[in-house]
PDB file of N, CA and C in Angstrom:
ATOM      1  N   MET A   1      69.547 118.373  82.129  1.00  0.00           N
ATOM      2  CA  MET A   1      70.430 119.058  83.074  1.00  0.00           C
ATOM      3  C   MET A   1      70.566 118.232  84.354  1.00  0.00           C
ATOM      4  N   SER A   2      69.457 117.733  84.858  1.00  0.00           N
ATOM      5  CA  SER A   2      69.499 116.967  86.103  1.00  0.00           C
ATOM      6  C   SER A   2      70.275 115.665  85.893  1.00  0.00           C
ATOM      7  N   GLU A   3      70.185 115.100  84.684  1.00  0.00           N
ATOM      8  CA  GLU A   3      70.922 113.869  84.394  1.00  0.00           C
ATOM      9  C   GLU A   3      72.419 114.101  84.501  1.00  0.00           C
ATOM     10  N   ASP A   4      72.876 115.223  83.972  1.00  0.00           N
ATOM     11  CA  ASP A   4      74.302 115.553  84.038  1.00  0.00           C
ATOM     12  C   ASP A   4      74.740 115.702  85.492  1.00  0.00           C
ATOM     13  N   LYS A   5      73.900 116.355  86.285  1.00  0.00           N
ATOM     14  CA  LYS A   5      74.236 116.552  87.710  1.00  0.00           C
ATOM     15  C   LYS A   5      74.384 115.191  88.392  1.00  0.00           C
ATOM     16  N   LYS A   6      73.443 114.307  88.111  1.00  0.00           N
ATOM     17  CA  LYS A   6      73.478 112.984  88.714  1.00  0.00           C
ATOM     18  C   LYS A   6      74.773 112.273  88.317  1.00  0.00           C
ATOM     19  N   TYR A   7      75.131 112.377  87.047  1.00  0.00           N
ATOM     20  CA  TYR A   7      76.347 111.729  86.549  1.00  0.00           C
ATOM     21  C   TYR A   7      77.575 112.300  87.247  1.00  0.00           C
ATOM     22  N   ASP A   8      77.618 113.629  87.379  1.00  0.00           N
ATOM     23  CA  ASP A   8      78.750 114.275  88.049  1.00  0.00           C
ATOM     24  C   ASP A   8      78.871 113.766  89.484  1.00  0.00           C
ATOM     25  N   ARG A   9      77.735 113.621  90.142  1.00  0.00           N
ATOM     26  CA  ARG A   9      77.750 113.174  91.537  1.00  0.00           C
ATOM     27  C   ARG A   9      78.290 111.748  91.632  1.00  0.00           C
ATOM     28  N   SER A  10      77.846 110.851  90.738  1.00  0.00           N
ATOM     29  CA  SER A  10      78.338 109.471  90.782  1.00  0.00           C
ATOM     30  C   SER A  10      79.824 109.445  90.496  1.00  0.00           C
ATOM     31  N   LEU A  11      80.257 110.284  89.552  1.00  0.00           N
ATOM     32  CA  LEU A  11      81.678 110.345  89.204  1.00  0.00           C
ATOM     33  C   LEU A  11      82.476 110.811  90.411  1.00  0.00           C
ATOM     34  N   LEU A  12      81.934 111.803  91.129  1.00  0.00           N
ATOM     35  CA  LEU A  12      82.613 112.324  92.319  1.00  0.00           C
ATOM     36  C   LEU A  12      82.749 111.220  93.362  1.00  0.00           C
ATOM     37  N   TRP A  13      81.647 110.508  93.616  1.00  0.00           N
ATOM     38  CA  TRP A  13      81.686 109.427  94.602  1.00  0.00           C
ATOM     39  C   TRP A  13      82.650 108.342  94.171  1.00  0.00           C
ATOM     40  N   PHE A  14      82.666 108.039  92.867  1.00  0.00           N
ATOM     41  CA  PHE A  14      83.570 107.011  92.355  1.00  0.00           C
ATOM     42  C   PHE A  14      85.017 107.422  92.596  1.00  0.00           C
ATOM     43  N   SER A  15      85.314 108.697  92.351  1.00  0.00           N
ATOM     44  CA  SER A  15      86.683 109.201  92.557  1.00  0.00           C
ATOM     45  C   SER A  15      87.074 109.101  94.026  1.00  0.00           C
ATOM     46  N   ILE A  16      86.156 109.505  94.913  1.00  0.00           N
ATOM     47  CA  ILE A  16      86.437 109.454  96.351  1.00  0.00           C
ATOM     48  C   ILE A  16      86.686 108.012  96.786  1.00  0.00           C
ATOM     49  N   LEU A  17      85.831 107.095  96.332  1.00  0.00           N
ATOM     50  CA  LEU A  17      85.990 105.691  96.711  1.00  0.00           C
ATOM     51  C   LEU A  17      87.320 105.149  96.208  1.00  0.00           C
ATOM     52  N   THR A  18      87.680 105.524  94.970  1.00  0.00           N
ATOM     53  CA  THR A  18      88.946 105.057  94.398  1.00  0.00           C
ATOM     54  C   THR A  18      90.123 105.532  95.233  1.00  0.00           C
ATOM     55  N   VAL A  19      90.103 106.813  95.609  1.00  0.00           N
ATOM     56  CA  VAL A  19      91.192 107.374  96.423  1.00  0.00           C
ATOM     57  C   VAL A  19      91.270 106.653  97.765  1.00  0.00           C
ATOM     58  N   VAL A  20      90.124 106.426  98.395  1.00  0.00           N
ATOM     59  CA  VAL A  20      90.095 105.746  99.695  1.00  0.00           C
ATOM     60  C   VAL A  20      90.681 104.340  99.570  1.00  0.00           C
ATOM     61  N   VAL A  21      90.277 103.621  98.525  1.00  0.00           N
ATOM     62  CA  VAL A  21      90.779 102.255  98.324  1.00  0.00           C
ATOM     63  C   VAL A  21      92.288 102.265  98.120  1.00  0.00           C
ATOM     64  N   ILE A  22      92.780 103.213  97.328  1.00  0.00           N
ATOM     65  CA  ILE A  22      94.224 103.308  97.073  1.00  0.00           C
ATOM     66  C   ILE A  22      94.973 103.589  98.371  1.00  0.00           C
ATOM     67  N   VAL A  23      94.452 104.524  99.174  1.00  0.00           N
ATOM     68  CA  VAL A  23      95.109 104.860 100.446  1.00  0.00           C
ATOM     69  C   VAL A  23      95.163 103.634 101.351  1.00  0.00           C
ATOM     70  N   ILE A  24      94.056 102.901 101.444  1.00  0.00           N
ATOM     71  CA  ILE A  24      94.013 101.706 102.285  1.00  0.00           C
ATOM     72  C   ILE A  24      95.019 100.675 101.786  1.00  0.00           C
ATOM     73  N   LEU A  25      95.077 100.486 100.461  1.00  0.00           N
ATOM     74  CA  LEU A  25      96.028  99.532  99.893  1.00  0.00           C
ATOM     75  C   LEU A  25      97.454  99.927 100.231  1.00  0.00           C
ATOM     76  N   VAL A  26      97.763 101.206 100.090  1.00  0.00           N
ATOM     77  CA  VAL A  26      99.116 101.692 100.390  1.00  0.00           C
ATOM     78  C   VAL A  26      99.448 101.446 101.859  1.00  0.00           C
ATOM     79  N   LEU A  27      98.499 101.739 102.747  1.00  0.00           N
ATOM     80  CA  LEU A  27      98.733 101.526 104.181  1.00  0.00           C
ATOM     81  C   LEU A  27      98.982 100.050 104.477  1.00  0.00           C
ATOM     82  N   VAL A  28      98.168  99.181 103.887  1.00  0.00           N
ATOM     83  CA  VAL A  28      98.316  97.739 104.117  1.00  0.00           C
ATOM     84  C   VAL A  28      99.663  97.255 103.592  1.00  0.00           C
ATOM     85  N   ILE A  29     100.028  97.682 102.378  1.00  0.00           N
ATOM     86  CA  ILE A  29     101.306  97.263 101.786  1.00  0.00           C
ATOM     87  C   ILE A  29     102.467  97.753 102.640  1.00  0.00           C
ATOM     88  N   THR A  30     102.388  99.007 103.091  1.00  0.00           N
ATOM     89  CA  THR A  30     103.458  99.565 103.929  1.00  0.00           C
ATOM     90  C   THR A  30     103.584  98.761 105.221  1.00  0.00           C
ATOM     91  N   LYS A  31     102.440  98.423 105.802  1.00  0.00           N
ATOM     92  CA  LYS A  31     102.436  97.651 107.047  1.00  0.00           C
ATOM     93  C   LYS A  31     103.084  96.291 106.818  1.00  0.00           C
ATOM     94  N   VAL A  32     102.730  95.645 105.725  1.00  0.00           N
ATOM     95  CA  VAL A  32     103.274  94.320 105.411  1.00  0.00           C
ATOM     96  C   VAL A  32     104.778  94.414 105.177  1.00  0.00           C
ATOM     97  N   LEU A  33     105.211  95.424 104.427  1.00  0.00           N
ATOM     98  CA  LEU A  33     106.643  95.577 104.140  1.00  0.00           C
ATOM     99  C   LEU A  33     107.424  95.866 105.420  1.00  0.00           C
ATOM    100  N   ASN A  34     106.862  96.698 106.288  1.00  0.00           N
ATOM    101  CA  ASN A  34     107.550  97.034 107.537  1.00  0.00           C
ATOM    102  C   ASN A  34     107.509  95.866 108.511  1.00  0.00           C
ATOM    103  N   GLY A  35     106.429  95.083 108.432  1.00  0.00           N
ATOM    104  CA  GLY A  35     106.297  93.958 109.339  1.00  0.00           C
ATOM    105  C   GLY A  35     107.192  92.828 108.880  1.00  0.00           C
TER     106      GLY A  35
END
């Protein structure tokens, strides 16, 4: 049971990191296109 919880937590962090990276990429690309 604890193993599953640990896995869920890593998956959650992975999802958050992925979203953050995508947002940063979009902001950078938008800045470059506008610049």
